[in-house]
Protein backbone atom coordinates (compact mmCIF):
# COMPACT_ATOMS: atom_id res chain seq x y z
CA MET A 1 9.22 38.54 15.95
CA ARG A 2 10.76 37.96 12.63
CA PHE A 3 9.17 34.53 10.78
CA ASP A 4 11.89 32.68 9.02
CA LEU A 5 9.98 30.93 6.26
CA VAL A 6 10.46 27.97 3.44
CA ARG A 7 11.61 29.62 0.25
CA GLU A 8 11.13 26.64 -1.45
CA LYS A 9 8.09 26.20 -3.85
CA SER A 10 8.90 22.56 -3.79
CA PHE A 11 7.90 22.17 -0.27
CA TYR A 12 4.42 23.71 -0.54
CA ARG A 13 4.13 21.10 -3.46
CA HIS A 14 5.32 18.30 -1.37
CA VAL A 15 2.58 19.63 1.53
CA ALA A 16 -0.35 19.62 -0.82
CA VAL A 17 0.15 16.33 -2.75
CA LEU A 18 0.42 14.58 1.10
CA MET A 19 -2.55 16.64 2.02
CA VAL A 20 -5.00 15.83 -0.53
CA PRO A 21 -5.41 12.66 0.03
CA LEU A 22 -5.58 13.06 3.90
CA ILE A 23 -8.77 15.45 3.64
CA LEU A 24 -10.51 12.68 1.62
CA GLN A 25 -10.08 10.30 3.73
CA MET A 26 -11.46 12.23 6.47
CA LEU A 27 -14.17 13.60 4.69
CA LEU A 28 -14.88 9.44 3.72
CA SER A 29 -15.10 8.49 6.80
CA ILE A 30 -17.25 11.27 8.47
CA SER A 31 -19.83 10.31 5.33
CA VAL A 32 -20.00 6.79 5.76
CA ASP A 33 -20.37 7.55 9.80
CA THR A 34 -23.49 9.91 8.52
CA LEU A 35 -24.92 7.43 6.12
CA SER A 36 -24.77 4.83 8.54
CA THR A 37 -26.60 6.80 11.26
CA MET A 38 -29.01 7.81 8.70
CA MET A 39 -29.54 4.47 7.72
CA LEU A 40 -30.12 2.97 11.38
CA GLY A 41 -32.90 6.11 11.50
CA THR A 42 -35.11 5.10 9.13
CA VAL A 43 -35.47 1.75 11.26
CA SER A 44 -36.57 3.53 14.52
CA GLN A 45 -34.82 5.76 16.87
CA VAL A 46 -34.64 3.40 19.53
CA ASN A 47 -32.29 1.11 17.35
CA MET A 48 -30.40 4.49 16.61
CA THR A 49 -29.92 5.37 20.20
CA ILE A 50 -28.99 1.90 21.08
CA VAL A 51 -25.90 2.03 18.67
CA THR A 52 -25.42 5.32 19.35
CA GLN A 53 -24.87 4.61 23.20
CA ALA A 54 -22.51 1.20 22.74
CA ASN A 55 -20.54 3.19 20.03
CA GLN A 56 -19.36 5.37 23.21
CA VAL A 57 -17.25 2.84 24.15
CA SER A 58 -16.02 2.11 21.32
CA TRP A 59 -15.03 5.79 20.51
CA ILE A 60 -12.87 5.57 24.07
CA VAL A 61 -10.77 2.25 22.96
CA ARG A 62 -10.30 4.06 19.34
CA VAL A 63 -9.37 7.57 21.52
CA ILE A 64 -6.50 5.56 23.71
CA MET A 65 -5.78 3.54 20.47
CA ILE A 66 -5.43 6.90 18.89
CA GLY A 67 -3.05 8.00 21.21
CA PHE A 68 -0.61 5.32 21.32
CA SER A 69 -0.53 5.31 17.42
CA GLY A 70 0.65 9.03 18.15
CA GLY A 71 3.81 7.56 19.89
CA THR A 72 4.32 5.41 16.33
CA ALA A 73 3.67 8.32 14.66
CA VAL A 74 6.44 10.49 16.62
CA LEU A 75 9.40 7.73 16.30
CA ALA A 76 8.70 6.91 13.08
CA ALA A 77 8.36 10.16 11.39
CA GLN A 78 11.62 10.96 13.17
CA TYR A 79 13.46 7.68 12.00
CA TRP A 80 12.30 8.32 8.42
CA GLY A 81 14.13 11.50 8.44
CA VAL A 82 17.72 9.42 8.85
CA ARG A 83 15.63 6.41 6.62
CA ASN A 84 16.69 4.09 9.49
CA LYS A 85 14.75 1.10 8.35
CA GLU A 86 15.93 -1.39 11.11
CA LYS A 87 14.92 1.12 13.46
CA LEU A 88 11.36 1.70 11.30
CA GLN A 89 10.62 -2.14 11.55
CA THR A 90 11.28 -2.10 15.26
CA ILE A 91 8.81 0.84 16.05
CA VAL A 92 6.08 -0.88 14.06
CA SER A 93 6.82 -4.66 15.67
CA VAL A 94 6.91 -2.75 19.39
CA SER A 95 3.55 -0.87 18.23
CA LEU A 96 1.63 -4.05 16.90
CA ARG A 97 2.78 -6.30 20.17
CA PHE A 98 1.23 -3.22 22.29
CA MET A 99 -1.83 -2.93 20.19
CA LEU A 100 -2.89 -6.22 20.11
CA SER A 101 -2.47 -6.93 23.76
CA PHE A 102 -4.16 -3.86 24.96
CA SER A 103 -7.02 -4.70 22.00
CA LEU A 104 -7.27 -8.21 23.25
CA VAL A 105 -7.36 -7.25 26.86
CA ILE A 106 -10.15 -4.97 26.15
CA VAL A 107 -12.01 -7.83 23.81
CA ALA A 108 -11.78 -9.73 27.21
CA LEU A 109 -13.31 -7.26 29.09
CA VAL A 110 -16.36 -6.50 27.07
CA LEU A 111 -17.55 -10.28 25.89
CA CYS A 112 -17.33 -10.46 30.23
CA PHE A 113 -18.94 -7.24 31.10
CA ALA A 114 -21.14 -5.88 28.08
CA PRO A 115 -24.17 -5.18 29.98
CA GLN A 116 -22.61 -3.82 33.50
CA ILE A 117 -20.81 -1.03 30.73
CA MET A 118 -24.26 -0.61 28.68
CA ARG A 119 -25.82 0.22 32.15
CA VAL A 120 -23.59 2.93 32.64
CA TYR A 121 -25.00 4.52 29.58
CA SER A 122 -28.46 3.81 30.11
CA SER A 123 -30.91 2.48 32.63
CA ASP A 124 -33.55 1.37 30.13
CA ASP A 125 -33.32 -2.54 30.27
CA TYR A 126 -34.45 -3.32 26.60
CA ILE A 127 -31.02 -0.64 25.74
CA VAL A 128 -28.70 -2.51 28.23
CA ARG A 129 -29.70 -5.84 26.90
CA VAL A 130 -29.56 -5.05 23.25
CA GLY A 131 -26.83 -2.72 23.12
CA GLY A 132 -25.02 -5.53 25.30
CA GLU A 133 -25.35 -7.98 22.59
CA TYR A 134 -24.30 -5.14 19.74
CA LEU A 135 -21.30 -4.29 22.26
CA ARG A 136 -19.99 -8.12 22.22
CA THR A 137 -20.28 -8.60 18.26
CA VAL A 138 -18.46 -5.09 17.92
CA ALA A 139 -16.00 -5.69 20.40
CA PHE A 140 -14.47 -8.37 17.59
CA SER A 141 -13.56 -5.50 15.42
CA TYR A 142 -11.10 -3.75 18.23
CA VAL A 143 -8.10 -6.30 17.46
CA ALA A 144 -8.44 -5.00 13.50
CA VAL A 145 -8.50 -1.64 14.62
CA GLY A 146 -5.75 -1.49 17.24
CA ILE A 147 -3.64 -3.11 14.26
CA LEU A 148 -4.76 -0.10 11.49
CA ASN A 149 -4.07 2.43 13.70
CA SER A 150 -0.59 0.96 14.52
CA LEU A 151 -0.04 0.47 10.54
CA TYR A 152 -1.53 3.64 9.17
CA ALA A 153 0.49 5.63 11.82
CA ALA A 154 3.49 4.15 10.50
CA CYS A 155 2.38 4.60 6.99
CA ARG A 156 1.91 8.13 7.13
CA SER A 157 5.32 8.53 9.44
CA VAL A 158 6.77 7.41 5.61
CA GLU A 159 4.49 9.69 3.60
CA LYS A 160 2.73 6.59 2.14
CA VAL A 161 -0.95 8.25 2.34
CA GLN A 162 -2.36 7.08 -0.71
CA ILE A 163 -2.60 3.40 -0.13
CA ILE A 164 -4.66 5.10 3.05
CA PHE A 165 -7.08 6.70 1.59
CA CYS A 166 -7.20 3.75 -1.65
CA ASN A 167 -7.78 1.11 1.61
CA ASN A 168 -10.84 3.47 3.19
CA LEU A 169 -12.19 3.86 -0.30
CA VAL A 170 -12.47 0.45 -0.79
CA THR A 171 -13.33 -0.92 2.57
CA TYR A 172 -15.90 1.76 3.53
CA ALA A 173 -17.96 1.30 0.96
CA ILE A 174 -18.16 -2.52 1.64
CA ASN A 175 -19.31 -1.57 5.42
CA LEU A 176 -21.74 0.49 3.82
CA LEU A 177 -23.26 -2.02 1.69
CA LEU A 178 -23.05 -5.02 4.49
CA ASN A 179 -24.73 -2.36 6.81
CA TYR A 180 -27.66 -1.77 4.02
CA GLY A 181 -27.96 -5.63 3.15
CA LEU A 182 -28.11 -6.99 6.84
CA LEU A 183 -29.96 -3.86 8.50
CA PHE A 184 -32.78 -4.32 5.85
CA GLY A 185 -32.55 -7.47 4.28
CA LYS A 186 -31.22 -6.46 1.23
CA LEU A 187 -28.63 -8.01 -1.56
CA GLY A 188 -29.10 -11.56 -0.77
CA LEU A 189 -28.21 -10.97 3.09
CA PRO A 190 -30.45 -12.18 5.59
CA GLU A 191 -32.00 -8.87 8.09
CA LEU A 192 -30.55 -9.16 11.04
CA GLY A 193 -31.20 -5.71 12.41
CA ILE A 194 -29.03 -3.71 14.61
CA GLU A 195 -26.73 -7.11 14.94
CA GLY A 196 -26.16 -6.71 11.24
CA VAL A 197 -24.48 -3.30 11.68
CA ALA A 198 -22.41 -4.62 14.20
CA ILE A 199 -21.06 -7.94 12.11
CA GLY A 200 -20.76 -5.35 8.99
CA ALA A 201 -18.26 -3.49 10.93
CA VAL A 202 -16.31 -6.30 12.00
CA ALA A 203 -16.38 -7.67 8.31
CA ALA A 204 -15.01 -4.43 7.35
CA ARG A 205 -12.33 -3.45 9.30
CA THR A 206 -11.30 -7.05 9.28
CA LEU A 207 -11.03 -6.63 5.20
CA GLU A 208 -9.16 -3.17 6.10
CA MET A 209 -6.57 -4.82 8.25
CA LEU A 210 -5.91 -7.36 6.04
CA ILE A 211 -5.31 -5.20 2.92
CA ILE A 212 -3.10 -3.19 4.58
CA PHE A 213 -1.26 -6.10 6.43
CA ALA A 214 -0.97 -8.00 3.12
CA TYR A 215 0.66 -4.11 1.60
CA MET A 216 3.18 -4.00 4.52
CA ILE A 217 4.75 -7.00 4.27
CA ARG A 218 4.72 -7.83 0.57
CA PHE A 219 4.87 -4.44 -1.28
CA GLU A 220 5.89 -1.44 1.26
CA ASP A 221 9.75 -0.76 0.30
CA ARG A 222 10.30 2.56 2.75
CA ILE A 223 10.15 0.57 6.00
CA GLY A 224 10.61 -2.99 4.94
CA PHE A 225 8.32 -4.65 7.51
CA ARG A 226 8.08 -8.35 7.24
CA LEU A 227 6.57 -11.13 9.27
CA ARG A 228 9.81 -11.73 10.80
CA HIS A 229 10.26 -8.22 12.14
CA LEU A 230 7.53 -9.24 15.04
CA LYS A 231 10.39 -10.77 16.93
CA LYS A 232 12.58 -7.69 17.26
CA ARG A 233 12.77 -6.24 20.60
CA ASP A 234 14.40 -3.55 22.15
CA ARG A 235 13.96 -2.07 25.50
CA GLN A 236 14.80 1.58 24.71
CA MET A 237 12.44 1.53 21.94
CA THR A 238 9.80 0.00 24.04
CA LYS A 239 10.86 3.41 26.46
CA ASP A 240 10.55 5.87 23.71
CA TYR A 241 7.28 4.53 22.47
CA ILE A 242 5.88 4.74 26.11
CA LYS A 243 7.36 8.14 26.59
CA ALA A 244 6.20 9.51 23.42
CA GLY A 245 2.55 7.90 23.29
CA LEU A 246 1.66 8.28 26.79
CA PRO A 247 1.06 11.99 27.44
CA ILE A 248 -0.81 11.88 23.93
CA VAL A 249 -3.06 8.91 25.18
CA LEU A 250 -3.99 11.37 28.36
CA HIS A 251 -4.49 14.12 26.35
CA GLU A 252 -6.89 12.64 24.24
CA VAL A 253 -8.74 11.31 27.01
CA ILE A 254 -8.71 14.03 29.07
CA TRP A 255 -9.84 16.19 25.85
CA SER A 256 -12.68 13.69 24.87
CA VAL A 257 -14.14 13.92 28.23
CA GLY A 258 -14.00 17.00 28.31
CA THR A 259 -15.37 17.30 24.90
CA SER A 260 -18.47 15.26 26.11
CA SER A 261 -18.81 17.58 29.53
CA GLY A 262 -19.53 20.37 27.22
CA ASN A 263 -21.72 18.42 25.03
CA MET A 264 -23.84 17.66 27.95
CA ILE A 265 -24.20 21.34 28.90
CA THR A 266 -25.45 22.00 26.05
CA GLY A 267 -27.73 19.26 25.93
CA GLN A 268 -29.41 20.98 29.00
CA LEU A 269 -30.03 23.70 27.29
CA GLY A 270 -33.72 22.64 25.10
CA THR A 271 -34.14 21.04 22.50
CA SER A 272 -33.76 24.56 19.95
CA VAL A 273 -30.46 24.94 21.29
CA VAL A 274 -29.46 20.74 20.91
CA ALA A 275 -30.92 21.29 17.34
CA GLY A 276 -28.79 24.10 16.52
CA TYR A 277 -26.02 22.81 18.09
CA ASP A 278 -25.88 19.69 16.42
CA VAL A 279 -25.98 21.58 13.37
CA MET A 280 -22.82 23.25 14.19
CA ALA A 281 -21.11 20.40 14.94
CA THR A 282 -21.81 18.49 11.90
CA PHE A 283 -20.73 21.64 9.96
CA TYR A 284 -17.63 22.13 12.11
CA SER A 285 -16.48 18.01 11.80
CA ILE A 286 -16.76 18.71 7.63
CA ILE A 287 -14.81 22.01 7.68
CA SER A 288 -11.93 20.40 10.42
CA ALA A 289 -11.37 17.70 7.65
CA VAL A 290 -8.85 20.10 6.16
CA GLY A 291 -7.44 21.30 9.64
CA GLU A 292 -6.78 17.46 10.73
CA GLY A 293 -5.45 16.61 6.89
CA PHE A 294 -3.03 19.60 7.27
CA GLN A 295 -2.45 18.53 11.15
CA TYR A 296 -0.89 14.71 9.69
CA VAL A 297 1.33 16.68 7.00
CA VAL A 298 2.73 18.84 10.03
CA SER A 299 3.43 16.26 11.65
CA ILE A 300 5.11 13.95 9.55
CA LEU A 301 7.31 16.54 7.98
CA THR A 302 8.34 18.00 11.45
CA GLY A 303 9.21 14.42 12.65
CA ASN A 304 11.45 13.64 9.41
CA ALA A 305 13.41 17.43 10.22
CA ILE A 306 13.65 16.34 13.72
CA GLY A 307 15.10 13.08 12.98
CA ALA A 308 17.40 14.43 10.90
CA GLY A 309 19.18 16.63 12.86
CA ASP A 310 18.50 20.10 10.79
CA LYS A 311 17.20 22.62 13.60
CA LYS A 312 17.05 25.18 10.86
CA GLN A 313 14.73 23.26 9.24
CA VAL A 314 12.27 22.61 12.09
CA ARG A 315 12.02 26.57 13.06
CA ARG A 316 11.13 27.26 9.17
CA GLN A 317 9.12 24.55 8.96
CA SER A 318 7.22 25.64 11.80
CA HIS A 319 7.05 29.35 11.01
CA SER A 320 5.79 28.55 7.38
CA PHE A 321 3.27 25.92 9.00
CA ILE A 322 1.83 28.49 12.00
CA LEU A 323 1.08 30.87 8.93
CA ILE A 324 -0.44 27.75 6.81
CA GLY A 325 -2.69 26.79 9.32
CA LEU A 326 -3.67 30.53 10.25
CA GLY A 327 -4.48 30.92 6.51
CA LEU A 328 -6.73 27.62 6.29
CA GLY A 329 -8.02 29.04 9.38
CA ILE A 330 -9.51 31.73 8.10
CA LEU A 331 -10.78 30.46 4.88
CA ALA A 332 -12.62 27.96 6.89
CA GLY A 333 -14.39 30.52 8.58
CA LEU A 334 -15.01 32.58 5.67
CA GLY A 335 -16.35 29.16 3.96
CA THR A 336 -18.68 29.09 6.90
CA LEU A 337 -19.86 32.29 6.74
CA ALA A 338 -20.41 31.85 3.31
CA PHE A 339 -22.41 28.72 3.39
CA ARG A 340 -23.81 29.04 6.61
CA SER A 341 -27.30 29.40 5.34
CA ALA A 342 -27.50 26.78 2.48
CA PHE A 343 -26.47 24.11 4.94
CA ILE A 344 -28.73 25.37 7.89
CA GLY A 345 -31.25 24.99 4.82
CA ILE A 346 -30.83 20.99 4.65
CA TYR A 347 -32.28 20.74 7.96
CA ALA A 348 -36.05 20.55 9.00
CA LEU A 349 -35.70 22.98 12.02
CA ASP A 350 -38.03 25.64 13.40
CA ALA A 351 -37.38 29.36 13.68
CA GLU A 352 -35.97 29.23 16.96
CA ALA A 353 -33.35 26.21 15.98
CA ALA A 354 -32.63 27.57 13.01
CA ALA A 355 -31.69 31.22 15.07
CA TYR A 356 -29.53 29.65 17.31
CA ALA A 357 -27.83 27.10 14.40
CA ASN A 358 -26.82 30.58 12.49
CA THR A 359 -25.30 32.01 15.73
CA PHE A 360 -23.42 29.45 16.39
CA LEU A 361 -21.98 28.87 12.85
CA LEU A 362 -20.86 32.63 13.19
CA ILE A 363 -19.23 31.67 16.35
CA ILE A 364 -17.61 28.65 14.90
CA ALA A 365 -16.43 31.26 11.90
CA ALA A 366 -14.94 33.51 14.74
CA VAL A 367 -12.67 30.73 16.36
CA CYS A 368 -12.07 29.32 13.44
CA PRO A 369 -8.57 30.85 12.72
CA LEU A 370 -7.10 29.72 16.08
CA SER A 371 -9.11 26.42 16.21
CA PHE A 372 -7.09 25.62 13.10
CA LEU A 373 -3.75 26.86 15.01
CA GLU A 374 -4.31 24.48 18.09
CA MET A 375 -4.61 21.68 15.17
CA THR A 376 -1.19 22.50 13.38
CA CYS A 377 0.42 23.78 16.65
CA MET A 378 -0.78 21.46 19.78
CA ILE A 379 -1.41 18.36 17.27
CA GLY A 380 0.83 18.63 14.81
CA ILE A 381 4.24 20.04 15.74
CA LEU A 382 4.24 19.98 19.65
CA ARG A 383 3.38 16.10 19.12
CA ALA A 384 5.83 15.59 16.16
CA GLY A 385 8.62 17.01 18.56
CA GLY A 386 7.75 14.34 21.23
CA ASP A 387 6.06 17.65 23.77
CA GLY A 388 2.75 15.93 23.85
CA LYS A 389 2.93 17.28 27.30
CA THR A 390 1.79 20.72 26.49
CA GLY A 391 -1.30 19.51 24.94
CA LEU A 392 -2.05 18.04 28.12
CA TYR A 393 -1.77 20.53 30.81
CA SER A 394 -3.66 22.70 28.67
CA ASP A 395 -6.39 20.59 28.58
CA ILE A 396 -6.45 20.32 32.46
CA VAL A 397 -5.99 24.38 32.67
CA ILE A 398 -8.11 25.52 29.81
CA MET A 399 -10.98 22.83 29.39
CA TRP A 400 -11.60 21.72 33.02
CA LEU A 401 -10.21 24.72 35.42
CA LEU A 402 -11.80 27.36 33.58
CA CYS A 403 -14.36 26.69 30.33
CA ILE A 404 -16.22 23.95 31.77
CA PRO A 405 -16.96 25.18 35.01
CA ALA A 406 -17.43 28.51 33.59
CA ALA A 407 -19.85 27.11 31.25
CA ALA A 408 -21.95 25.17 33.66
CA LEU A 409 -21.54 28.14 36.14
CA ALA A 410 -23.27 30.26 33.22
CA ALA A 411 -25.72 27.74 32.34
CA PHE A 412 -27.00 26.40 35.51
CA GLN A 413 -26.56 29.14 38.07
CA LEU A 414 -26.38 32.55 36.09
CA HIS A 415 -28.86 30.92 33.84
CA LEU A 416 -27.14 32.88 30.65
CA ASP A 417 -28.35 33.01 27.32
CA PRO A 418 -27.29 29.75 25.62
CA VAL A 419 -25.37 31.71 22.88
CA ILE A 420 -23.00 32.88 26.06
CA VAL A 421 -22.60 29.24 26.87
CA VAL A 422 -21.67 28.07 23.65
CA LEU A 423 -18.89 30.68 23.18
CA ILE A 424 -17.61 30.06 26.21
CA VAL A 425 -17.34 26.12 25.65
CA LYS A 426 -15.84 26.94 22.30
CA MET A 427 -13.04 29.58 24.07
CA THR A 428 -11.12 26.62 24.78
CA MET A 429 -10.07 26.41 20.79
CA VAL A 430 -8.81 30.01 20.97
CA LEU A 431 -6.76 29.94 24.21
CA GLU A 432 -5.33 26.24 23.43
CA GLY A 433 -4.39 27.27 19.77
CA THR A 434 -2.88 30.81 21.21
CA VAL A 435 -0.75 28.39 24.02
CA GLY A 436 -0.05 26.17 21.19
CA THR A 437 1.30 28.95 18.90
CA LEU A 438 3.51 30.69 21.68
CA ARG A 439 4.46 27.34 22.76
CA VAL A 440 6.22 26.32 18.94
CA LEU A 441 7.59 30.05 18.96
CA SER A 442 9.49 29.61 21.58
CA MET A 443 11.26 26.42 19.86
CA ARG A 444 11.57 24.61 23.43
CA TRP A 445 9.63 21.85 22.14
CA VAL A 446 11.69 19.93 20.29
CA HIS A 447 13.20 16.57 21.38
CA ASN A 448 15.07 13.84 19.38
CA PHE A 449 14.63 10.43 19.56
CA VAL A 450 17.27 9.42 17.12
CA ARG A 451 20.45 9.24 18.77
CA LYS A 452 23.92 9.75 17.02
CA GLU A 453 24.71 5.76 17.03
CA GLU A 454 21.65 5.21 15.24
CA VAL A 455 22.02 8.14 11.95
């Protein structure tokens, strides 16, 4: 098959301009999470465990919100392709109302049943009690997180990505300072322990929401959203929002549970294996920030081209994105090979754990090209075309019917080498990257939500 590529250099410059702040945002988020965990670890391992377990609930909530913000991104990018500000305002209105309703329900459930929820993750009475208190506090951030997901998705879709990075830079720094001050009683703040960490998260997310909301209603001009637009109602837009977002939500939930299941399997293989696997996972989270930043750019520009009705440009861009994604994946793999030893050296590992970490990083280096194609095609291109079902069905078949059962069989029945088990787990990236690429090349995934009368 001959690839029909975009030839204009300005297109690739535009991709780079959009991609850099998005990658920096991803790396910033990873850095903040890592530093927060390190702070907790210096206080006590029990406190770190409590926060880690309680944050599993927050992670699930965020996954669902990210799914529905994916619906926002699909519709907003396509309507930005035809510069229909009225519909963009309606999309934001629909998304905000939905996120607000969903987050309030979740907050109410957590406030009422926090201990029972924590009991799912731990049988230790102390962890359940203290974790429940932490969870009740941090739940007040869910409303802000929901609104942030909606507004950030809208901003990215109209190529306003710098404001997201700048907002994160300011509020994440404040979050770290609050964590430090309230956890240790520094900076003139009271020492509140892990409750202080929860308060810091709520305060930082609330400030982050207020900044981006103020920006949207005062300065942002591509959507032109104002408070009065919250009254906008559009039954068809609501149906499109659910149609675009629901498969993405289901995909994200199935993927997240599947990822946790894979981690549970490897977690039963011994402390040295777990330590080596954690090193690999941390390194992959860093290099995958490049792929995630690129997938957002792919989604934006693909949605724009689809909304504009330019099928030839959609095809050319898709082919170009595949090659760029593959190239970035190859570079990530080579970077893994080059820096794996230095990265392992940061950790105080025994010889066995270090050997496992080295081998697991070799596996990651090998699968990086197809992992990046998975992000580019399955997440970036197909979702922008309204095809969230391919990723959903692929996870059901590849992850749940093939790889997870095969990894469990290899680990617990056949007692194969842990390296084989990890290789099976990571085969999901290889297979889903292949499926996503073939689906994109078929060009049977394009669904334009923009109707002729709306152009």
